[in-house]
Amino acid sequence: MALRGVITTNFGFWILDFGLRGWLVPVVLGLILIGPPTAEAAIVRGIQEILAGIFQVPLQTIVGTFSGPPVVGTLFGAVNGVVSGVGLVAHGALELAASGVAVAKTVAPFVLPFLL
């Protein structure tokens, strides 16, 4: 007995074969239902990026020291750590600021009656 949309392999496993609609519709519906990340996730991501940016200078200095020539590798590692660290800290700060605005818009209707 053959089922429509099901292929039986030699080992007895069933493989679902629904064509393009078989995987496209669940993926699109999943993306619609998941939606963008919440403001709380952006706060955590911003804090993670700031912490990662702080540790980039010593980490990249060590990596440059062990992977390159003794003095030049250390200098290039330090410069690379400063540049990537500044970028991560700036992006994390902007992420925190943007998520703070989103949280403030959500919380403002509940806080304003107590302030007036």
Protein backbone atom coordinates (compact mmCIF):
# COMPACT_ATOMS: atom_id res chain seq x y z
CA MET A 1 0.00 0.00 0.00
CA ALA A 2 1.54 3.27 -1.09
CA LEU A 3 0.76 6.48 0.70
CA ARG A 4 0.67 9.73 -1.22
CA GLY A 5 3.69 11.88 -0.48
CA VAL A 6 5.57 9.09 1.33
CA ILE A 7 8.54 7.23 -0.11
CA THR A 8 9.65 4.00 1.56
CA THR A 9 13.38 3.32 1.37
CA ASN A 10 15.11 -0.06 1.25
CA PHE A 11 15.68 0.06 4.99
CA GLY A 12 12.03 0.60 5.84
CA PHE A 13 12.32 4.33 6.61
CA TRP A 14 9.65 6.67 5.37
CA ILE A 15 10.66 9.89 3.71
CA LEU A 16 8.06 12.62 3.30
CA ASP A 17 8.03 13.99 -0.22
CA PHE A 18 5.73 16.99 -0.51
CA GLY A 19 7.71 18.91 -3.10
CA LEU A 20 8.30 22.64 -2.83
CA ARG A 21 5.23 23.37 -0.72
CA GLY A 22 6.29 20.73 1.78
CA TRP A 23 9.14 22.81 3.14
CA LEU A 24 8.37 26.32 1.93
CA VAL A 25 5.10 26.83 3.78
CA PRO A 26 6.36 25.72 7.23
CA VAL A 27 9.51 27.82 6.87
CA VAL A 28 7.57 30.96 5.90
CA LEU A 29 5.00 30.42 8.66
CA GLY A 30 7.78 29.84 11.17
CA LEU A 31 9.51 33.07 10.20
CA ILE A 32 6.24 34.97 10.46
CA LEU A 33 5.39 33.52 13.87
CA ILE A 34 8.87 33.93 15.32
CA GLY A 35 9.13 37.59 14.33
CA PRO A 36 11.89 39.96 15.35
CA PRO A 37 13.71 39.51 18.66
CA THR A 38 12.23 41.22 21.67
CA ALA A 39 13.73 44.23 23.39
CA GLU A 40 14.86 42.06 26.30
CA ALA A 41 16.93 39.94 23.93
CA ALA A 42 18.48 43.09 22.50
CA ILE A 43 19.46 44.23 26.00
CA VAL A 44 21.22 40.93 26.67
CA ARG A 45 22.90 41.01 23.25
CA GLY A 46 24.12 44.58 23.88
CA ILE A 47 25.61 43.62 27.25
CA GLN A 48 27.30 40.59 25.67
CA GLU A 49 28.84 42.73 22.95
CA ILE A 50 30.13 45.28 25.45
CA LEU A 51 31.73 42.54 27.57
CA ALA A 52 33.21 40.90 24.47
CA GLY A 53 34.61 44.27 23.37
CA ILE A 54 36.32 44.79 26.72
CA PHE A 55 38.08 41.43 26.48
CA GLN A 56 39.14 41.87 22.84
CA VAL A 57 42.32 43.82 23.61
CA PRO A 58 43.99 41.19 25.84
CA LEU A 59 42.62 38.31 23.79
CA GLN A 60 43.80 39.64 20.44
CA THR A 61 47.15 40.64 21.93
CA ILE A 62 47.72 37.06 23.11
CA VAL A 63 46.58 35.66 19.77
CA GLY A 64 48.89 38.04 17.88
CA THR A 65 51.81 37.17 20.14
CA PHE A 66 51.48 33.43 19.64
CA SER A 67 50.51 33.46 15.96
CA GLY A 68 52.91 36.08 14.59
CA PRO A 69 56.46 37.32 15.01
CA PRO A 70 57.30 38.22 18.62
CA VAL A 71 57.12 42.02 18.56
CA VAL A 72 55.17 42.68 15.37
CA GLY A 73 52.54 40.04 16.20
CA THR A 74 52.00 41.56 19.63
CA LEU A 75 51.61 45.08 18.21
CA PHE A 76 49.26 44.01 15.43
CA GLY A 77 47.28 41.90 17.89
CA ALA A 78 46.89 44.87 20.22
CA VAL A 79 45.83 47.19 17.38
CA ASN A 80 43.38 44.58 16.10
CA GLY A 81 42.00 44.16 19.63
CA VAL A 82 41.51 47.91 20.06
CA VAL A 83 39.74 48.29 16.72
CA SER A 84 37.46 45.29 17.16
CA GLY A 85 36.88 46.15 20.83
CA VAL A 86 35.81 49.71 20.01
CA GLY A 87 33.48 48.39 17.32
CA LEU A 88 31.90 45.84 19.65
CA VAL A 89 31.48 48.32 22.51
CA ALA A 90 29.95 50.95 20.20
CA HIS A 91 27.55 48.44 18.66
CA GLY A 92 26.62 47.10 22.10
CA ALA A 93 25.95 50.61 23.40
CA LEU A 94 23.75 51.41 20.41
CA GLU A 95 21.93 48.11 20.91
CA LEU A 96 21.29 48.98 24.55
CA ALA A 97 20.08 52.45 23.65
CA ALA A 98 17.71 51.16 20.98
CA SER A 99 16.34 48.44 23.22
CA GLY A 100 15.93 50.96 26.03
CA VAL A 101 13.68 53.04 23.79
CA ALA A 102 11.62 49.97 22.93
CA VAL A 103 11.24 49.03 26.59
CA ALA A 104 10.36 52.63 27.52
CA LYS A 105 7.61 52.73 24.90
CA THR A 106 6.19 49.51 26.30
CA VAL A 107 6.39 50.53 29.96
CA ALA A 108 5.43 54.22 29.63
CA PRO A 109 1.62 53.76 29.67
CA PHE A 110 1.89 51.90 32.98
CA VAL A 111 4.35 54.30 34.63
CA LEU A 112 2.84 57.65 33.60
CA PRO A 113 -0.24 57.46 35.89
CA PHE A 114 2.03 57.08 38.91
CA LEU A 115 4.14 60.08 37.91
CA LEU A 116 1.22 62.47 37.42
